[in-house]
N, C-alpha and C. Protein backbone atom coordinates (compact mmCIF):
# COMPACT_ATOMS: atom_id res chain seq x y z
N MET A 1 -19.89 11.51 34.68
CA MET A 1 -18.62 12.04 34.95
C MET A 1 -17.57 11.31 33.92
N ASN A 2 -16.78 11.93 33.09
CA ASN A 2 -16.34 11.74 32.03
C ASN A 2 -14.82 11.41 32.62
N ARG A 3 -14.13 10.40 32.37
CA ARG A 3 -12.97 9.98 32.99
C ARG A 3 -11.96 10.21 31.65
N GLN A 4 -11.22 11.43 32.08
CA GLN A 4 -10.37 11.78 30.81
C GLN A 4 -8.76 11.60 31.48
N GLY A 5 -7.79 11.12 31.02
CA GLY A 5 -6.82 10.81 31.30
C GLY A 5 -5.59 10.35 30.57
N GLY A 6 -4.41 10.38 30.40
CA GLY A 6 -3.51 10.36 29.34
C GLY A 6 -3.64 10.59 27.79
N LYS A 7 -3.38 9.73 27.29
CA LYS A 7 -3.16 9.77 25.68
C LYS A 7 -4.47 9.08 24.85
N ALA A 8 -4.95 9.74 24.68
CA ALA A 8 -6.24 8.90 23.51
C ALA A 8 -5.54 8.01 22.30
N LYS A 9 -6.21 7.16 22.11
CA LYS A 9 -5.75 6.46 21.21
C LYS A 9 -5.92 6.16 19.85
N PRO A 10 -4.97 6.09 18.72
CA PRO A 10 -5.27 6.63 17.73
C PRO A 10 -5.98 5.75 17.05
N LEU A 11 -6.92 6.07 15.91
CA LEU A 11 -7.74 4.94 15.44
C LEU A 11 -6.89 3.85 14.56
N LYS A 12 -7.02 2.82 14.41
CA LYS A 12 -6.73 1.79 13.55
C LYS A 12 -6.67 1.73 11.96
N GLN A 13 -5.65 2.09 11.46
CA GLN A 13 -5.58 2.37 10.00
C GLN A 13 -6.37 0.74 9.33
N PRO A 14 -7.22 0.71 8.18
CA PRO A 14 -7.16 -0.40 7.51
C PRO A 14 -6.05 -1.02 7.06
N LYS A 15 -5.79 -2.48 6.97
CA LYS A 15 -4.75 -2.53 6.27
C LYS A 15 -4.96 -2.65 4.57
N LYS A 16 -3.39 -2.14 4.42
CA LYS A 16 -3.79 -1.92 2.61
C LYS A 16 -3.19 -3.42 1.98
N ASP A 17 -4.20 -3.71 1.04
CA ASP A 17 -4.24 -4.92 0.41
C ASP A 17 -2.51 -4.93 -0.69
N LYS A 18 -2.08 -6.27 -0.27
CA LYS A 18 -0.90 -6.08 -1.31
C LYS A 18 -1.37 -6.04 -2.90
N ARG A 19 -0.47 -5.48 -3.60
CA ARG A 19 -1.26 -5.23 -5.20
C ARG A 19 0.43 -6.11 -6.10
N GLU A 20 -0.10 -6.51 -7.19
CA GLU A 20 0.41 -7.18 -7.79
C GLU A 20 1.21 -5.85 -8.78
N ASP A 21 2.52 -6.49 -8.58
CA ASP A 21 3.68 -5.34 -9.47
C ASP A 21 2.91 -5.67 -11.42
N ASP A 22 2.88 -4.69 -11.86
CA ASP A 22 2.75 -4.68 -13.63
C ASP A 22 4.15 -5.01 -14.08
N GLU A 23 4.18 -4.75 -15.67
CA GLU A 23 5.31 -5.02 -16.10
C GLU A 23 6.48 -3.47 -15.98
N ASP A 24 5.57 -2.63 -16.12
CA ASP A 24 6.19 -1.34 -15.73
C ASP A 24 6.47 -1.15 -14.35
N ASP A 25 6.15 -1.51 -13.81
CA ASP A 25 6.66 -1.64 -12.22
C ASP A 25 8.03 -2.66 -12.00
N VAL A 26 7.92 -3.38 -12.63
CA VAL A 26 9.26 -4.67 -12.60
C VAL A 26 10.27 -3.56 -13.23
N ALA A 27 9.82 -3.49 -14.37
CA ALA A 27 11.04 -2.43 -15.09
C ALA A 27 11.40 -1.63 -14.81
N PHE A 28 10.99 -0.50 -13.67
CA PHE A 28 11.19 0.66 -13.25
C PHE A 28 12.01 0.09 -11.76
N LYS A 29 11.73 -0.82 -11.47
CA LYS A 29 12.68 -1.34 -10.17
C LYS A 29 13.85 -1.93 -10.78
N GLN A 30 13.74 -2.33 -11.70
CA GLN A 30 15.34 -3.15 -12.19
C GLN A 30 16.04 -2.05 -12.68
N LYS A 31 15.71 -0.86 -13.16
CA LYS A 31 16.34 0.22 -13.96
C LYS A 31 17.08 0.62 -12.80
N GLN A 32 16.37 1.17 -11.47
CA GLN A 32 16.48 1.51 -10.42
C GLN A 32 17.73 0.92 -9.87
N LYS A 33 17.90 -0.17 -9.47
CA LYS A 33 18.79 -1.26 -9.24
C LYS A 33 20.09 -0.92 -10.03
N ALA A 34 19.71 -1.20 -11.31
CA ALA A 34 21.15 -1.05 -12.23
C ALA A 34 21.82 0.50 -12.15
N ASP A 35 21.29 1.30 -12.09
CA ASP A 35 21.21 2.35 -11.95
C ASP A 35 22.12 2.64 -10.51
N GLU A 36 21.49 2.34 -9.17
CA GLU A 36 22.63 2.07 -8.04
C GLU A 36 23.96 1.23 -8.22
N ALA A 37 23.74 0.12 -8.71
CA ALA A 37 24.79 -0.35 -9.31
C ALA A 37 26.18 0.31 -10.04
N ALA A 38 25.62 0.95 -10.70
CA ALA A 38 26.59 2.05 -11.69
C ALA A 38 27.14 3.15 -10.69
N ARG A 39 26.18 3.72 -9.62
CA ARG A 39 26.63 4.53 -8.70
C ARG A 39 27.79 4.39 -7.94
N LYS A 40 27.26 3.07 -7.33
CA LYS A 40 28.25 2.59 -6.27
C LYS A 40 29.39 2.33 -7.12
N ALA A 41 29.51 1.92 -8.77
CA ALA A 41 31.08 1.48 -8.94
C ALA A 41 31.52 2.69 -9.47
N ALA A 42 30.96 3.84 -9.76
CA ALA A 42 31.62 5.16 -9.88
C ALA A 42 32.25 5.76 -8.50
N ALA A 43 31.32 5.52 -7.81
CA ALA A 43 32.04 6.09 -6.53
C ALA A 43 33.29 5.42 -6.15
N ALA A 44 33.41 3.95 -6.34
CA ALA A 44 34.20 3.20 -5.69
C ALA A 44 35.55 3.58 -6.68
N LYS A 45 35.18 3.68 -8.00
CA LYS A 45 36.32 4.52 -8.90
C LYS A 45 36.95 5.66 -8.57
N LEU A 46 36.41 6.34 -7.79
CA LEU A 46 36.59 7.76 -7.64
C LEU A 46 37.66 7.59 -6.45
N GLN A 47 37.29 6.75 -5.16
CA GLN A 47 38.26 6.38 -4.40
C GLN A 47 39.21 5.81 -4.61
N GLY A 48 39.36 5.56 -6.03
CA GLY A 48 40.92 4.50 -6.38
C GLY A 48 40.43 3.29 -5.96
N GLY A 49 39.23 2.62 -6.10
CA GLY A 49 39.17 1.57 -6.40
C GLY A 49 39.36 0.57 -4.77
N LYS A 50 39.24 1.36 -3.69
CA LYS A 50 39.22 0.91 -2.25
C LYS A 50 37.82 0.56 -1.90
N LYS A 51 37.68 -0.73 -1.35
CA LYS A 51 36.17 -1.17 -0.97
C LYS A 51 36.05 -1.01 0.83
N LYS A 52 35.28 -0.51 1.19
CA LYS A 52 35.14 -0.16 2.72
C LYS A 52 34.54 -1.59 3.23
């Protein structure tokens, strides 16, 4: 007789190995941070320079 009850456990996923970022990835992340900072500055300027 099979014992079936409750939820079946999901299979464990293998851990992803950490990979090193190459120069392109580092440059892209820096550009993203700069764009985000510029966007925040523009939003603050539109709000009259008031910070929350």
